[in-house]
Amino acid sequence: MESSASSSGASSADPHAAAWERLAAAIVTTPGALPEEVRRGIAQGDDPAELAALLDKVRRHAYTIVDRDLARLETDVVFEAVLAAALAEGDERRRAAIEAIG
């Protein structure tokens, strides 16, 4: 996510751009278990080694995630990392939809 969620700006082609910006900022910059830099990196596809396998599943086939994928990981870390990865994936699909209808 080329910091797209924070640099796209409101656009007449996307009436929800401002809301998306607020969502992205909340996910990436709100204080939490993971530092902002780590969440921003995840949103850009730069995953910490200990979360890489899980986040790959989140991005490519989340339906295959099982309890052992989450073993030994803090709940808050998992939650924040998954949100950051999902943000990037959602933004990619959102942009594709806007382009398709625009």
Protein backbone atom coordinates (compact mmCIF):
# COMPACT_ATOMS: atom_id res chain seq x y z
CA MET A 1 0.00 0.00 0.00
CA GLU A 2 1.98 2.92 -1.28
CA SER A 3 0.69 4.92 1.68
CA SER A 4 -2.30 5.23 -0.63
CA ALA A 5 -4.70 5.37 2.25
CA SER A 6 -2.95 8.44 3.56
CA SER A 7 -2.07 10.16 0.31
CA SER A 8 -5.06 9.58 -1.95
CA GLY A 9 -7.00 12.62 -0.75
CA ALA A 10 -10.70 13.20 -1.28
CA SER A 11 -11.68 12.96 -4.88
CA SER A 12 -14.89 13.49 -6.82
CA ALA A 13 -14.35 9.99 -8.25
CA ASP A 14 -14.38 8.57 -4.73
CA PRO A 15 -17.01 10.11 -2.49
CA HIS A 16 -15.76 7.97 0.41
CA ALA A 17 -12.08 8.94 0.19
CA ALA A 18 -12.15 11.09 3.33
CA ALA A 19 -13.77 8.30 5.35
CA TRP A 20 -11.20 5.82 4.03
CA GLU A 21 -8.40 8.21 5.04
CA ARG A 22 -9.76 8.40 8.59
CA LEU A 23 -10.05 4.60 8.79
CA ALA A 24 -6.50 4.12 7.51
CA ALA A 25 -5.13 6.69 9.94
CA ALA A 26 -6.93 5.02 12.84
CA ILE A 27 -5.54 1.60 11.95
CA VAL A 28 -1.98 2.75 11.37
CA THR A 29 -1.44 5.61 13.82
CA THR A 30 -3.55 4.84 16.88
CA PRO A 31 -1.29 3.73 19.75
CA GLY A 32 -1.35 -0.02 20.26
CA ALA A 33 0.61 -3.20 20.83
CA LEU A 34 2.50 -2.77 17.55
CA PRO A 35 4.46 0.41 16.87
CA GLU A 36 3.09 2.67 14.14
CA GLU A 37 6.12 1.94 11.95
CA VAL A 38 5.41 -1.79 12.07
CA ARG A 39 1.72 -1.34 11.21
CA ARG A 40 2.63 1.04 8.39
CA GLY A 41 5.16 -1.50 7.10
CA ILE A 42 2.58 -4.29 7.18
CA ALA A 43 0.17 -2.10 5.25
CA GLN A 44 2.93 -1.70 2.64
CA GLY A 45 3.65 -5.45 2.54
CA ASP A 46 6.76 -5.39 4.74
CA ASP A 47 5.85 -7.97 7.37
CA PRO A 48 7.80 -8.78 10.54
CA ALA A 49 9.25 -12.30 10.27
CA GLU A 50 7.19 -13.64 13.18
CA LEU A 51 3.95 -12.54 11.49
CA ALA A 52 4.83 -13.18 7.83
CA ALA A 53 3.16 -16.60 7.47
CA LEU A 54 -0.04 -15.44 9.17
CA LEU A 55 -0.26 -12.23 7.15
CA ASP A 56 0.36 -14.11 3.92
CA LYS A 57 -2.67 -16.23 4.77
CA VAL A 58 -4.67 -13.11 5.62
CA ARG A 59 -3.88 -11.63 2.22
CA ARG A 60 -4.27 -14.74 0.07
CA HIS A 61 -6.59 -17.23 1.76
CA ALA A 62 -7.80 -16.16 5.17
CA TYR A 63 -10.30 -19.01 5.33
CA THR A 64 -7.38 -21.39 5.98
CA ILE A 65 -6.27 -19.70 9.22
CA VAL A 66 -6.47 -22.07 12.17
CA ASP A 67 -5.69 -21.85 15.89
CA ARG A 68 -2.10 -23.03 15.46
CA ASP A 69 -1.43 -20.05 13.16
CA LEU A 70 -2.15 -17.80 16.13
CA ALA A 71 -0.35 -19.84 18.79
CA ARG A 72 2.16 -17.89 20.86
CA LEU A 73 1.03 -14.56 19.41
CA GLU A 74 -0.49 -11.83 21.54
CA THR A 75 -4.14 -11.18 20.70
CA ASP A 76 -3.63 -7.42 20.32
CA VAL A 77 -0.63 -7.94 18.02
CA VAL A 78 -2.63 -10.31 15.82
CA PHE A 79 -5.59 -7.93 15.71
CA GLU A 80 -3.50 -4.90 14.77
CA ALA A 81 -1.41 -6.77 12.20
CA VAL A 82 -4.45 -8.30 10.54
CA LEU A 83 -6.16 -4.91 10.36
CA ALA A 84 -3.09 -3.35 8.72
CA ALA A 85 -2.82 -6.15 6.16
CA ALA A 86 -6.56 -6.08 5.47
CA LEU A 87 -6.41 -2.30 5.06
CA ALA A 88 -3.91 -2.64 2.22
CA GLU A 89 -5.87 -5.42 0.53
CA GLY A 90 -9.12 -3.50 0.87
CA ASP A 91 -7.53 -0.35 -0.50
CA GLU A 92 -6.27 -2.22 -3.55
CA ARG A 93 -9.76 -3.55 -4.27
CA ARG A 94 -11.36 -0.19 -3.54
CA ARG A 95 -9.09 1.54 -6.03
CA ALA A 96 -9.75 -1.11 -8.67
CA ALA A 97 -13.51 -0.67 -8.22
CA ILE A 98 -13.25 3.11 -8.48
CA GLU A 99 -11.22 2.78 -11.65
CA ALA A 100 -13.68 0.27 -13.11
CA ILE A 101 -16.72 2.49 -12.52
CA GLY A 102 -14.94 5.77 -13.20
